[in-house]
Amino acid sequence: MDRMMVLVRHGQSEWNLKNLFTGWRDVGLTEQGVAEARAAGQRIKARDLRFGTTFTSALTRAQRTLDLILEESGQTGIPITRDQALNERDYGDLSGLNKDDARAKWGEEQVHIWRRSYSTAPPGGESLRDTGARVWPYYIHNIQPHVMRGEGVLIAAHGNSLRALIMALDGLTADEVVKLELATGLPILYRLNADTSVAEKVELTS
């Protein structure tokens, strides 16, 4: 049985381009982001990866990425589950701010801590650990059963929600996960063993 799932961070968003903290703000993809999503779909098609169901967040940039991937890989019409459990980390009071302006207001060191620490949340927002606290149970109860039945699962989500998921899948420490960089539009293929551990992980770079 092929217990397969693919994770994809959404393509470049308008606020990624403008260097703004996005979080739960709903923004669209740039032209480059659309191209990245289409390229992800082409890479998936080239490997003939077939999905039985898909998951994405409640935010447009991830949903649009998923739609484009399914279109390019010839798999439209597959069930799509949208849930805010897979949303990007909530940046709270930082949301909508330019990262340079945030550094000017709170100081470089404090903003760096908010962005890169595991357990320190920005004012009114979530830490990466907080993000994991909603992602992990959702994965275990809602996503993993489909993978284990061999249905083939595609997840289009966000840098931090996927970072939290990969932390659990790869057994990363808090120090390791905060250094993990995820490229936009890069599909990551996982295959699981019968005990739900990871058998294979491949980044689909071409």
Protein backbone atom coordinates (compact mmCIF):
# COMPACT_ATOMS: atom_id res chain seq x y z
CA MET A 1 0.00 0.00 0.00
CA ASP A 2 1.27 3.47 -0.89
CA ARG A 3 0.71 5.63 2.19
CA MET A 4 1.56 8.88 0.44
CA MET A 5 1.01 12.57 1.10
CA VAL A 6 2.41 15.74 -0.40
CA LEU A 7 2.86 19.03 1.47
CA VAL A 8 3.11 22.34 -0.40
CA ARG A 9 3.61 25.82 1.00
CA HIS A 10 1.48 28.29 -0.99
CA GLY A 11 3.10 30.26 -3.80
CA GLN A 12 4.47 33.74 -3.19
CA SER A 13 1.77 36.04 -1.82
CA GLU A 14 1.33 39.77 -2.34
CA TRP A 15 2.46 40.44 1.21
CA ASN A 16 5.47 38.09 0.98
CA LEU A 17 6.57 40.34 -1.87
CA LYS A 18 5.99 43.52 0.17
CA ASN A 19 7.86 42.11 3.22
CA LEU A 20 4.74 42.33 5.42
CA PHE A 21 3.70 40.08 8.31
CA THR A 22 0.68 38.26 6.90
CA GLY A 23 -0.56 35.69 9.42
CA TRP A 24 -4.34 35.29 9.20
CA ARG A 25 -4.81 38.27 6.87
CA ASP A 26 -6.31 37.05 3.61
CA VAL A 27 -4.17 38.09 0.65
CA GLY A 28 -3.79 36.72 -2.85
CA LEU A 29 -0.94 35.25 -4.85
CA THR A 30 1.43 37.28 -7.01
CA GLU A 31 2.02 36.34 -10.62
CA GLN A 32 5.15 34.56 -9.43
CA GLY A 33 3.07 32.74 -6.80
CA VAL A 34 0.65 31.53 -9.47
CA ALA A 35 3.60 30.32 -11.55
CA GLU A 36 5.08 28.52 -8.52
CA ALA A 37 1.77 26.74 -7.86
CA ARG A 38 1.45 25.70 -11.50
CA ALA A 39 5.04 24.41 -11.48
CA ALA A 40 4.25 22.37 -8.36
CA GLY A 41 1.30 20.81 -10.18
CA GLN A 42 3.50 19.96 -13.15
CA ARG A 43 6.08 18.26 -10.91
CA ILE A 44 3.34 16.24 -9.25
CA LYS A 45 1.93 15.24 -12.64
CA ALA A 46 5.39 14.23 -13.89
CA ARG A 47 5.64 11.75 -11.01
CA ASP A 48 2.06 10.54 -11.57
CA LEU A 49 1.12 11.18 -7.94
CA ARG A 50 -2.62 10.68 -7.56
CA PHE A 51 -4.70 11.98 -4.69
CA GLY A 52 -7.93 10.79 -3.14
CA THR A 53 -8.51 13.88 -1.00
CA THR A 54 -6.97 17.26 -0.26
CA PHE A 55 -6.67 19.67 2.66
CA THR A 56 -5.99 23.39 2.83
CA SER A 57 -6.44 26.34 5.17
CA ALA A 58 -9.24 28.89 5.39
CA LEU A 59 -7.03 31.44 3.58
CA THR A 60 -7.24 32.30 -0.11
CA ARG A 61 -3.54 32.05 -0.94
CA ALA A 62 -3.38 28.39 0.11
CA GLN A 63 -6.74 27.54 -1.50
CA ARG A 64 -5.70 29.13 -4.81
CA THR A 65 -2.39 27.24 -4.71
CA LEU A 66 -4.28 23.98 -4.21
CA ASP A 67 -6.68 24.74 -7.07
CA LEU A 68 -3.81 25.50 -9.45
CA ILE A 69 -1.93 22.33 -8.49
CA LEU A 70 -5.01 20.18 -9.09
CA GLU A 71 -5.67 21.93 -12.39
CA GLU A 72 -2.10 21.43 -13.64
CA SER A 73 -1.95 17.79 -12.51
CA GLY A 74 -5.32 16.96 -14.08
CA GLN A 75 -7.03 16.14 -10.79
CA THR A 76 -9.84 18.67 -10.44
CA GLY A 77 -13.00 17.43 -8.75
CA ILE A 78 -11.22 15.77 -5.83
CA PRO A 79 -12.68 16.46 -2.35
CA ILE A 80 -11.21 19.59 -0.71
CA THR A 81 -11.40 20.18 3.05
CA ARG A 82 -10.72 23.76 4.17
CA ASP A 83 -9.99 24.32 7.85
CA GLN A 84 -8.44 27.14 9.85
CA ALA A 85 -6.50 24.52 11.85
CA LEU A 86 -4.09 24.66 8.89
CA ASN A 87 -3.94 28.48 8.80
CA GLU A 88 -0.67 30.34 8.98
CA ARG A 89 0.59 31.29 12.41
CA ASP A 90 -1.35 34.30 13.74
CA TYR A 91 1.09 37.21 14.04
CA GLY A 92 -1.34 39.25 16.15
CA ASP A 93 -0.33 42.91 16.42
CA LEU A 94 2.41 42.40 13.82
CA SER A 95 -0.09 41.43 11.10
CA GLY A 96 -0.02 43.89 8.22
CA LEU A 97 3.17 45.60 9.38
CA ASN A 98 6.28 45.89 7.26
CA LYS A 99 9.00 43.83 8.91
CA ASP A 100 11.40 46.79 8.87
CA ASP A 101 8.77 49.03 10.52
CA ALA A 102 8.21 46.37 13.19
CA ARG A 103 11.95 46.33 13.91
CA ALA A 104 11.93 50.11 14.23
CA LYS A 105 9.03 49.97 16.69
CA TRP A 106 10.02 47.03 18.91
CA GLY A 107 13.71 46.57 18.14
CA GLU A 108 15.53 44.08 15.96
CA GLU A 109 16.18 41.60 18.77
CA GLN A 110 12.56 41.46 19.97
CA VAL A 111 11.14 41.02 16.46
CA HIS A 112 13.72 38.31 15.77
CA ILE A 113 12.58 36.48 18.93
CA TRP A 114 8.93 36.69 17.87
CA ARG A 115 9.75 35.44 14.37
CA ARG A 116 12.21 32.71 15.22
CA SER A 117 11.64 31.48 18.75
CA TYR A 118 9.57 28.34 19.27
CA SER A 119 7.48 29.35 22.26
CA THR A 120 7.41 33.19 22.41
CA ALA A 121 4.31 34.70 20.78
CA PRO A 122 4.03 38.27 19.43
CA PRO A 123 1.43 40.48 21.15
CA GLY A 124 -2.04 39.10 20.45
CA GLY A 125 -0.66 36.29 18.29
CA GLU A 126 0.63 32.71 18.30
CA SER A 127 4.02 31.13 18.81
CA LEU A 128 5.11 28.24 16.60
CA ARG A 129 4.27 25.95 19.53
CA ASP A 130 0.74 27.43 19.63
CA THR A 131 0.41 26.81 15.89
CA GLY A 132 1.48 23.20 16.40
CA ALA A 133 -1.11 22.78 19.14
CA ARG A 134 -3.86 23.13 16.53
CA VAL A 135 -2.05 21.51 13.58
CA TRP A 136 -0.96 18.26 15.29
CA PRO A 137 -4.36 17.04 16.53
CA TYR A 138 -5.95 18.03 13.22
CA TYR A 139 -3.37 16.00 11.33
CA ILE A 140 -3.76 12.94 13.58
CA HIS A 141 -7.57 12.90 13.56
CA ASN A 142 -8.45 14.32 10.14
CA ILE A 143 -5.56 13.77 7.73
CA GLN A 144 -3.48 10.79 8.83
CA PRO A 145 -6.35 8.24 8.56
CA HIS A 146 -6.68 9.02 4.83
CA VAL A 147 -2.94 8.57 4.34
CA MET A 148 -2.94 5.26 6.21
CA ARG A 149 -5.80 3.98 4.01
CA GLY A 150 -3.63 4.64 0.98
CA GLU A 151 -5.89 7.34 -0.43
CA GLY A 152 -3.11 9.78 -1.30
CA VAL A 153 -3.37 13.20 0.37
CA LEU A 154 -2.33 16.67 -0.81
CA ILE A 155 -1.98 19.48 1.74
CA ALA A 156 -1.56 23.09 0.60
CA ALA A 157 -0.89 25.32 3.59
CA HIS A 158 1.58 27.84 5.03
CA GLY A 159 5.17 28.17 6.15
CA ASN A 160 4.49 27.84 9.86
CA SER A 161 1.58 25.39 9.84
CA LEU A 162 3.68 23.08 7.64
CA ARG A 163 6.78 23.72 9.74
CA ALA A 164 4.84 22.49 12.79
CA LEU A 165 3.63 19.41 10.91
CA ILE A 166 7.11 18.60 9.63
CA MET A 167 8.44 18.97 13.18
CA ALA A 168 6.20 16.09 14.22
CA LEU A 169 6.81 13.98 11.12
CA ASP A 170 10.61 14.38 11.14
CA GLY A 171 11.04 14.38 14.93
CA LEU A 172 12.68 17.82 15.01
CA THR A 173 13.58 19.60 18.21
CA ALA A 174 12.41 23.14 19.00
CA ASP A 175 15.85 24.46 18.03
CA GLU A 176 15.83 22.54 14.75
CA VAL A 177 12.34 23.50 13.64
CA VAL A 178 12.85 27.26 13.98
CA LYS A 179 15.76 26.99 11.51
CA LEU A 180 13.69 25.04 8.98
CA GLU A 181 13.13 27.03 5.78
CA LEU A 182 10.32 26.03 3.41
CA ALA A 183 10.38 27.33 -0.14
CA THR A 184 7.11 28.59 -1.62
CA GLY A 185 5.53 26.20 -4.10
CA LEU A 186 7.93 23.31 -3.42
CA PRO A 187 6.11 19.95 -3.07
CA ILE A 188 7.47 17.65 -0.35
CA LEU A 189 6.52 13.99 -0.77
CA TYR A 190 6.17 11.78 2.30
CA ARG A 191 5.54 8.05 2.41
CA LEU A 192 4.61 6.49 5.75
CA ASN A 193 5.25 3.10 7.28
CA ALA A 194 2.42 0.98 8.70
CA ASP A 195 3.20 2.39 12.18
CA THR A 196 2.73 5.98 10.82
CA SER A 197 6.46 6.76 10.97
CA VAL A 198 8.15 8.27 7.91
CA ALA A 199 9.48 5.78 5.37
CA GLU A 200 10.55 8.31 2.74
CA LYS A 201 10.78 12.08 2.29
CA VAL A 202 11.57 13.67 -1.06
CA GLU A 203 11.54 17.33 -2.11
CA LEU A 204 10.22 17.52 -5.67
CA THR A 205 12.67 20.08 -6.96
CA SER A 206 12.21 19.14 -10.60
